[in-house]
C-alpha atoms as a PDB file:
ATOM      1  CA  MET A   1       0.000   0.000   0.000  1.00  0.00           C
ATOM      2  CA  ASP A   2       1.531   3.305  -1.036  1.00  0.00           C
ATOM      3  CA  HIS A   3       0.974   6.725   0.538  1.00  0.00           C
ATOM      4  CA  VAL A   4      -1.796   7.646  -1.931  1.00  0.00           C
ATOM      5  CA  LYS A   5      -3.873   4.562  -1.116  1.00  0.00           C
ATOM      6  CA  LEU A   6      -3.179   4.932   2.610  1.00  0.00           C
ATOM      7  CA  ARG A   7      -4.305   8.565   2.570  1.00  0.00           C
ATOM      8  CA  GLN A   8      -7.430   7.597   0.633  1.00  0.00           C
ATOM      9  CA  VAL A   9      -8.350   4.915   3.204  1.00  0.00           C
ATOM     10  CA  LEU A  10      -7.491   6.810   6.392  1.00  0.00           C
ATOM     11  CA  SER A  11      -8.847  10.218   5.334  1.00  0.00           C
ATOM     12  CA  GLN A  12     -12.344   8.735   5.612  1.00  0.00           C
ATOM     13  CA  LEU A  13     -11.729   8.410   9.367  1.00  0.00           C
ATOM     14  CA  GLY A  14     -10.190  11.844   9.983  1.00  0.00           C
ATOM     15  CA  GLU A  15      -8.195  14.709   8.506  1.00  0.00           C
ATOM     16  CA  ILE A  16      -4.577  13.739   7.778  1.00  0.00           C
ATOM     17  CA  GLN A  17      -1.624  16.105   7.692  1.00  0.00           C
ATOM     18  CA  ARG A  18       1.453  14.059   6.818  1.00  0.00           C
ATOM     19  CA  ILE A  19       2.333  10.474   5.880  1.00  0.00           C
ATOM     20  CA  TYR A  20       5.769   8.897   5.788  1.00  0.00           C
ATOM     21  CA  LEU A  21       6.385   5.301   4.656  1.00  0.00           C
ATOM     22  CA  VAL A  22       9.717   3.504   5.063  1.00  0.00           C
ATOM     23  CA  PRO A  23      10.754   1.554   1.944  1.00  0.00           C
ATOM     24  CA  GLU A  24      11.598  -2.083   2.625  1.00  0.00           C
ATOM     25  CA  ALA A  25      15.204  -3.246   2.610  1.00  0.00           C
ATOM     26  CA  ALA A  26      16.782  -3.890  -0.781  1.00  0.00           C
ATOM     27  CA  ALA A  27      17.575  -7.524   0.115  1.00  0.00           C
ATOM     28  CA  ALA A  28      13.955  -8.225   1.117  1.00  0.00           C
ATOM     29  CA  GLN A  29      12.704  -6.579  -2.074  1.00  0.00           C
ATOM     30  CA  MET A  30      15.065  -8.688  -4.205  1.00  0.00           C
ATOM     31  CA  ASN A  31      13.988 -11.909  -2.452  1.00  0.00           C
ATOM     32  CA  ARG A  32      10.314 -11.032  -2.936  1.00  0.00           C
ATOM     33  CA  LYS A  33      10.819 -10.362  -6.652  1.00  0.00           C
ATOM     34  CA  ARG A  34      12.787 -13.602  -7.111  1.00  0.00           C
ATOM     35  CA  ALA A  35       9.978 -15.526  -5.438  1.00  0.00           C
ATOM     36  CA  GLY A  36       7.525 -14.097  -7.970  1.00  0.00           C
ATOM     37  CA  GLY A  37       5.764 -11.739  -5.576  1.00  0.00           C
ATOM     38  CA  PHE A  38       4.665  -8.120  -5.979  1.00  0.00           C
ATOM     39  CA  ARG A  39       7.204  -6.360  -8.219  1.00  0.00           C
ATOM     40  CA  GLY A  40       6.445  -2.773  -7.171  1.00  0.00           C
ATOM     41  CA  GLN A  41       7.732  -0.727  -4.250  1.00  0.00           C
ATOM     42  CA  ALA A  42       6.771  -2.128  -0.846  1.00  0.00           C
ATOM     43  CA  PHE A  43       7.057  -0.474   2.565  1.00  0.00           C
ATOM     44  CA  SER A  44       7.975  -1.981   5.921  1.00  0.00           C
ATOM     45  CA  GLU A  45       6.400   0.631   8.233  1.00  0.00           C
ATOM     46  CA  GLY A  46       5.018   4.127   8.227  1.00  0.00           C
ATOM     47  CA  TRP A  47       3.753   7.108  10.226  1.00  0.00           C
ATOM     48  CA  VAL A  48       0.535   9.025   9.759  1.00  0.00           C
ATOM     49  CA  GLU A  49      -0.077  12.407  11.389  1.00  0.00           C
ATOM     50  CA  PHE A  50      -3.680  13.430  12.036  1.00  0.00           C
ATOM     51  CA  THR A  51      -4.681  17.028  12.729  1.00  0.00           C
ATOM     52  CA  LYS A  52      -6.292  16.087  16.077  1.00  0.00           C
ATOM     53  CA  LYS A  53      -4.922  13.812  18.784  1.00  0.00           C
ATOM     54  CA  SER A  54      -8.372  12.534  19.709  1.00  0.00           C
ATOM     55  CA  VAL A  55      -8.989  11.405  16.121  1.00  0.00           C
ATOM     56  CA  ALA A  56      -5.581   9.695  15.995  1.00  0.00           C
ATOM     57  CA  LYS A  57      -6.273   7.796  19.245  1.00  0.00           C
ATOM     58  CA  ARG A  58      -9.725   6.763  18.052  1.00  0.00           C
ATOM     59  CA  VAL A  59      -8.412   5.555  14.664  1.00  0.00           C
ATOM     60  CA  ALA A  60      -5.553   3.616  16.310  1.00  0.00           C
ATOM     61  CA  ASN A  61      -7.914   1.879  18.760  1.00  0.00           C
ATOM     62  CA  MET A  62     -10.500   1.181  16.081  1.00  0.00           C
ATOM     63  CA  LEU A  63      -8.188  -0.209  13.368  1.00  0.00           C
ATOM     64  CA  ASN A  64      -5.550  -2.107  15.364  1.00  0.00           C
ATOM     65  CA  GLY A  65      -5.926  -5.854  14.742  1.00  0.00           C
ATOM     66  CA  GLN A  66      -8.793  -5.418  12.256  1.00  0.00           C
ATOM     67  CA  GLN A  67      -8.911  -6.773   8.725  1.00  0.00           C
ATOM     68  CA  MET A  68      -8.215  -4.089   6.120  1.00  0.00           C
ATOM     69  CA  GLY A  69     -11.114  -5.188   3.967  1.00  0.00           C
ATOM     70  CA  GLY A  70     -12.258  -3.033   1.078  1.00  0.00           C
ATOM     71  CA  ARG A  71     -12.936  -4.694  -2.240  1.00  0.00           C
ATOM     72  CA  LYS A  72     -12.657  -8.462  -2.194  1.00  0.00           C
ATOM     73  CA  ARG A  73     -10.238  -8.507  -5.142  1.00  0.00           C
ATOM     74  CA  SER A  74      -7.962  -5.967  -3.467  1.00  0.00           C
ATOM     75  CA  SER A  75      -4.494  -7.252  -2.584  1.00  0.00           C
ATOM     76  CA  PHE A  76      -4.951  -5.784   0.931  1.00  0.00           C
ATOM     77  CA  TYR A  77      -8.343  -7.374   1.650  1.00  0.00           C
ATOM     78  CA  TYR A  78      -7.015 -10.116   3.976  1.00  0.00           C
ATOM     79  CA  ASP A  79      -4.229  -8.030   5.554  1.00  0.00           C
ATOM     80  CA  ILE A  80      -4.562  -6.877   9.162  1.00  0.00           C
ATOM     81  CA  TRP A  81      -3.935  -3.372  10.472  1.00  0.00           C
ATOM     82  CA  ASN A  82      -1.080  -3.040  12.975  1.00  0.00           C
ATOM     83  CA  VAL A  83      -1.600   0.499  14.272  1.00  0.00           C
ATOM     84  CA  LYS A  84      -0.291   2.131  17.445  1.00  0.00           C
ATOM     85  CA  TYR A  85      -0.842   5.639  18.765  1.00  0.00           C
ATOM     86  CA  LEU A  86       2.488   7.239  19.650  1.00  0.00           C
ATOM     87  CA  SER A  87       2.055   9.798  22.405  1.00  0.00           C
ATOM     88  CA  LYS A  88       4.520  12.626  23.059  1.00  0.00           C
ATOM     89  CA  ILE A  89       6.307  12.063  19.751  1.00  0.00           C
ATOM     90  CA  LYS A  90       6.666  14.923  17.313  1.00  0.00           C
ATOM     91  CA  TRP A  91       7.100  14.588  13.582  1.00  0.00           C
ATOM     92  CA  ASP A  92      10.619  15.992  13.855  1.00  0.00           C
ATOM     93  CA  ASP A  93      11.564  13.120  16.191  1.00  0.00           C
ATOM     94  CA  VAL A  94      10.436  10.599  13.575  1.00  0.00           C
ATOM     95  CA  THR A  95      12.364  12.236  10.746  1.00  0.00           C
ATOM     96  CA  GLU A  96      15.417  12.659  12.984  1.00  0.00           C
ATOM     97  CA  GLU A  97      15.420   8.951  13.818  1.00  0.00           C
ATOM     98  CA  ILE A  98      15.146   8.071  10.125  1.00  0.00           C
ATOM     99  CA  ALA A  99      18.011  10.431   9.266  1.00  0.00           C
ATOM    100  CA  GLN A 100      20.094   8.866  12.033  1.00  0.00           C
ATOM    101  CA  ARG A 101      19.419   5.372  10.674  1.00  0.00           C
ATOM    102  CA  HIS A 102      20.502   6.509   7.197  1.00  0.00           C
ATOM    103  CA  ALA A 103      23.658   8.108   8.616  1.00  0.00           C
ATOM    104  CA  VAL A 104      24.592   4.911  10.500  1.00  0.00           C
ATOM    105  CA  ARG A 105      23.960   2.838   7.385  1.00  0.00           C
ATOM    106  CA  GLU A 106      26.102   5.163   5.253  1.00  0.00           C
ATOM    107  CA  GLN A 107      28.866   5.043   7.856  1.00  0.00           C
ATOM    108  CA  LYS A 108      28.833   1.223   7.881  1.00  0.00           C
ATOM    109  CA  LEU A 109      28.987   1.161   4.081  1.00  0.00           C
ATOM    110  CA  ALA A 110      31.903   3.607   4.093  1.00  0.00           C
ATOM    111  CA  LEU A 111      33.802   1.461   6.627  1.00  0.00           C
ATOM    112  CA  GLU A 112      33.188  -1.693   4.596  1.00  0.00           C
ATOM    113  CA  LEU A 113      34.342   0.040   1.412  1.00  0.00           C
ATOM    114  CA  SER A 114      37.515   1.362   3.042  1.00  0.00           C
ATOM    115  CA  ALA A 115      38.319  -2.099   4.460  1.00  0.00           C
ATOM    116  CA  ALA A 116      37.777  -3.667   1.033  1.00  0.00           C
ATOM    117  CA  LYS A 117      40.013  -1.023  -0.591  1.00  0.00           C
ATOM    118  CA  ARG A 118      42.757  -1.667   1.966  1.00  0.00           C
ATOM    119  CA  GLU A 119      42.598  -5.409   1.314  1.00  0.00           C
ATOM    120  CA  ARG A 120      42.679  -4.835  -2.449  1.00  0.00           C
ATOM    121  CA  ASP A 121      45.637  -2.432  -2.213  1.00  0.00           C
ATOM    122  CA  PHE A 122      47.556  -4.847   0.024  1.00  0.00           C
ATOM    123  CA  TYR A 123      46.884  -7.707  -2.384  1.00  0.00           C
ATOM    124  CA  LEU A 124      47.996  -5.620  -5.388  1.00  0.00           C
ATOM    125  CA  THR A 125      51.224  -4.549  -3.674  1.00  0.00           C
ATOM    126  CA  GLN A 126      51.987  -8.180  -2.825  1.00  0.00           C
ATOM    127  CA  VAL A 127      51.341  -9.187  -6.441  1.00  0.00           C
ATOM    128  CA  ASP A 128      53.657  -6.411  -7.671  1.00  0.00           C
ATOM    129  CA  LYS A 129      56.372  -7.482  -5.211  1.00  0.00           C
ATOM    130  CA  SER A 130      56.025 -11.088  -6.320  1.00  0.00           C
ATOM    131  CA  ARG A 131      56.326 -10.115  -9.997  1.00  0.00           C
ATOM    132  CA  ALA A 132      59.356  -7.936  -9.292  1.00  0.00           C
ATOM    133  CA  LEU A 133      61.098 -10.683  -7.314  1.00  0.00           C
ATOM    134  CA  SER A 134      60.360 -13.324  -9.934  1.00  0.00           C
ATOM    135  CA  SER A 135      61.677 -11.076 -12.721  1.00  0.00           C
ATOM    136  CA  ILE A 136      64.865 -10.380 -10.722  1.00  0.00           C
ATOM    137  CA  GLU A 137      65.304 -14.106 -10.144  1.00  0.00           C
ATOM    138  CA  GLU A 138      64.832 -14.845 -13.856  1.00  0.00           C
ATOM    139  CA  ARG A 139      67.401 -12.190 -14.839  1.00  0.00           C
ATOM    140  CA  MET A 140      69.911 -13.546 -12.334  1.00  0.00           C
ATOM    141  CA  LYS A 141      69.408 -17.091 -13.650  1.00  0.00           C
ATOM    142  CA  LYS A 142      69.894 -15.905 -17.251  1.00  0.00           C
ATOM    143  CA  LYS A 143      73.015 -13.984 -16.273  1.00  0.00           C
ATOM    144  CA  GLN A 144      74.455 -16.991 -14.462  1.00  0.00           C
ATOM    145  CA  LYS A 145      73.627 -19.258 -17.415  1.00  0.00           C
ATOM    146  CA  VAL A 146      75.374 -16.872 -19.853  1.00  0.00           C
ATOM    147  CA  GLN A 147      78.408 -16.715 -17.579  1.00  0.00           C
ATOM    148  CA  GLN A 148      78.555 -20.501 -17.274  1.00  0.00           C
ATOM    149  CA  GLU A 149      78.368 -20.892 -21.062  1.00  0.00           C
ATOM    150  CA  SER A 150      81.122 -18.342 -21.605  1.00  0.00           C
ATOM    151  CA  GLY A 151      83.284 -19.937 -18.896  1.00  0.00           C
ATOM    152  CA  VAL A 152      83.513 -16.820 -16.747  1.00  0.00           C
ATOM    153  CA  ILE A 153      83.646 -17.481 -13.030  1.00  0.00           C
ATOM    154  CA  SER A 154      80.537 -16.134 -11.391  1.00  0.00           C
ATOM    155  CA  ASP A 155      80.971 -13.509  -8.713  1.00  0.00           C
ATOM    156  CA  PHE A 156      77.490 -14.253  -7.391  1.00  0.00           C
ATOM    157  CA  PRO A 157      77.276 -16.613  -4.466  1.00  0.00           C
ATOM    158  CA  SER A 158      75.755 -19.937  -5.450  1.00  0.00           C
ATOM    159  CA  ASP A 159      73.364 -19.991  -2.509  1.00  0.00           C
ATOM    160  CA  GLU A 160      71.373 -17.108  -4.049  1.00  0.00           C
ATOM    161  CA  PHE A 161      70.135 -19.417  -6.779  1.00  0.00           C
ATOM    162  CA  ALA A 162      69.380 -22.365  -4.517  1.00  0.00           C
ATOM    163  CA  PRO A 163      65.761 -23.464  -4.570  1.00  0.00           C
ATOM    164  CA  LYS A 164      63.512 -21.638  -2.169  1.00  0.00           C
ATOM    165  CA  VAL A 165      63.260 -23.223   1.246  1.00  0.00           C
ATOM    166  CA  ILE A 166      59.792 -23.912   2.536  1.00  0.00           C
ATOM    167  CA  ARG A 167      59.919 -23.468   6.265  1.00  0.00           C
ATOM    168  CA  GLN A 168      58.374 -26.030   8.533  1.00  0.00           C
ATOM    169  CA  PHE A 169      57.035 -24.758  11.829  1.00  0.00           C
ATOM    170  CA  PRO A 170      56.906 -27.244  14.698  1.00  0.00           C
ATOM    171  CA  GLN A 171      53.391 -27.902  15.918  1.00  0.00           C
ATOM    172  CA  LYS A 172      52.482 -28.413  19.557  1.00  0.00           C
ATOM    173  CA  LYS A 173      51.059 -31.801  20.329  1.00  0.00           C
ATOM    174  CA  PRO A 174      47.464 -31.951  21.577  1.00  0.00           C
ATOM    175  CA  VAL A 175      46.869 -32.188  25.311  1.00  0.00           C
ATOM    176  CA  ALA A 176      44.824 -35.373  24.875  1.00  0.00           C
ATOM    177  CA  ASP A 177      47.925 -37.280  23.723  1.00  0.00           C
ATOM    178  CA  GLN A 178      49.869 -36.238  26.822  1.00  0.00           C
ATOM    179  CA  ALA A 179      46.972 -37.042  29.145  1.00  0.00           C
ATOM    180  CA  GLY A 180      47.133 -40.715  28.180  1.00  0.00           C
ATOM    181  CA  LYS A 181      50.807 -40.880  29.146  1.00  0.00           C
ATOM    182  CA  ILE A 182      50.277 -39.221  32.526  1.00  0.00           C
ATOM    183  CA  LYS A 183      47.389 -41.453  33.655  1.00  0.00           C
ATOM    184  CA  PRO A 184      49.235 -44.781  34.045  1.00  0.00           C
ATOM    185  CA  SER A 185      51.981 -43.137  36.109  1.00  0.00           C
ATOM    186  CA  LEU A 186      49.736 -42.959  39.204  1.00  0.00           C
ATOM    187  CA  SER A 187      50.860 -45.428  41.821  1.00  0.00           C
ATOM    188  CA  LYS A 188      48.463 -48.010  43.246  1.00  0.00           C
ATOM    189  CA  ASP A 189      49.730 -47.142  46.725  1.00  0.00           C
ATOM    190  CA  ILE A 190      48.660 -43.513  46.324  1.00  0.00           C
ATOM    191  CA  LEU A 191      45.219 -44.540  45.090  1.00  0.00           C
ATOM    192  CA  ALA A 192      44.816 -46.979  47.958  1.00  0.00           C
ATOM    193  CA  GLY A 193      45.733 -44.246  50.429  1.00  0.00           C
ATOM    194  CA  VAL A 194      43.247 -41.796  48.936  1.00  0.00           C
ATOM    195  CA  PHE A 195      40.348 -44.201  48.706  1.00  0.00           C
ATOM    196  CA  GLY A 196      41.164 -46.142  51.872  1.00  0.00           C
ATOM    197  CA  GLY A 197      41.863 -49.429  50.186  1.00  0.00           C
ATOM    198  CA  GLN A 198      44.333 -52.121  51.312  1.00  0.00           C
END
């Protein structure tokens, strides 16, 4: 139900000043469209401001939990009103809360983007370093090969061209393996003394 339809329905019950509807989340909208549901814009919640408080209270009490009804073929016919009267809340408070939600969302998006950019930049620098090192290694190998073919004694140490060493880091053994070794070491005399056996 959009703001036009909502105004049309609720204006029969009292004079309305302002209406604000919150669009549903993009993920929920995408899931609904994939499932073959309503393809238009849907709203998750909304606020309606009546000119008089008494009318707003009466409408909230009257509609809350009631079937929307209307024409039988209407897509809202079987839906149920979920209406609450909000006392001591001004329209500015509502819009301020919405603006705050948007600001928090934008801030989260900015943080995620900056983290993704940092990861990408780090990855690209590592790729560049790897390319540079591999090209240096290839040039050194070519130079050494040319020198070996020409019979010139190489002034480069031979360990520079040794295959890369893959380091092995010692792993700590699990505690469960050690527990099995410790258990049998208990003396029968100690157990007999603890439990009062012979």
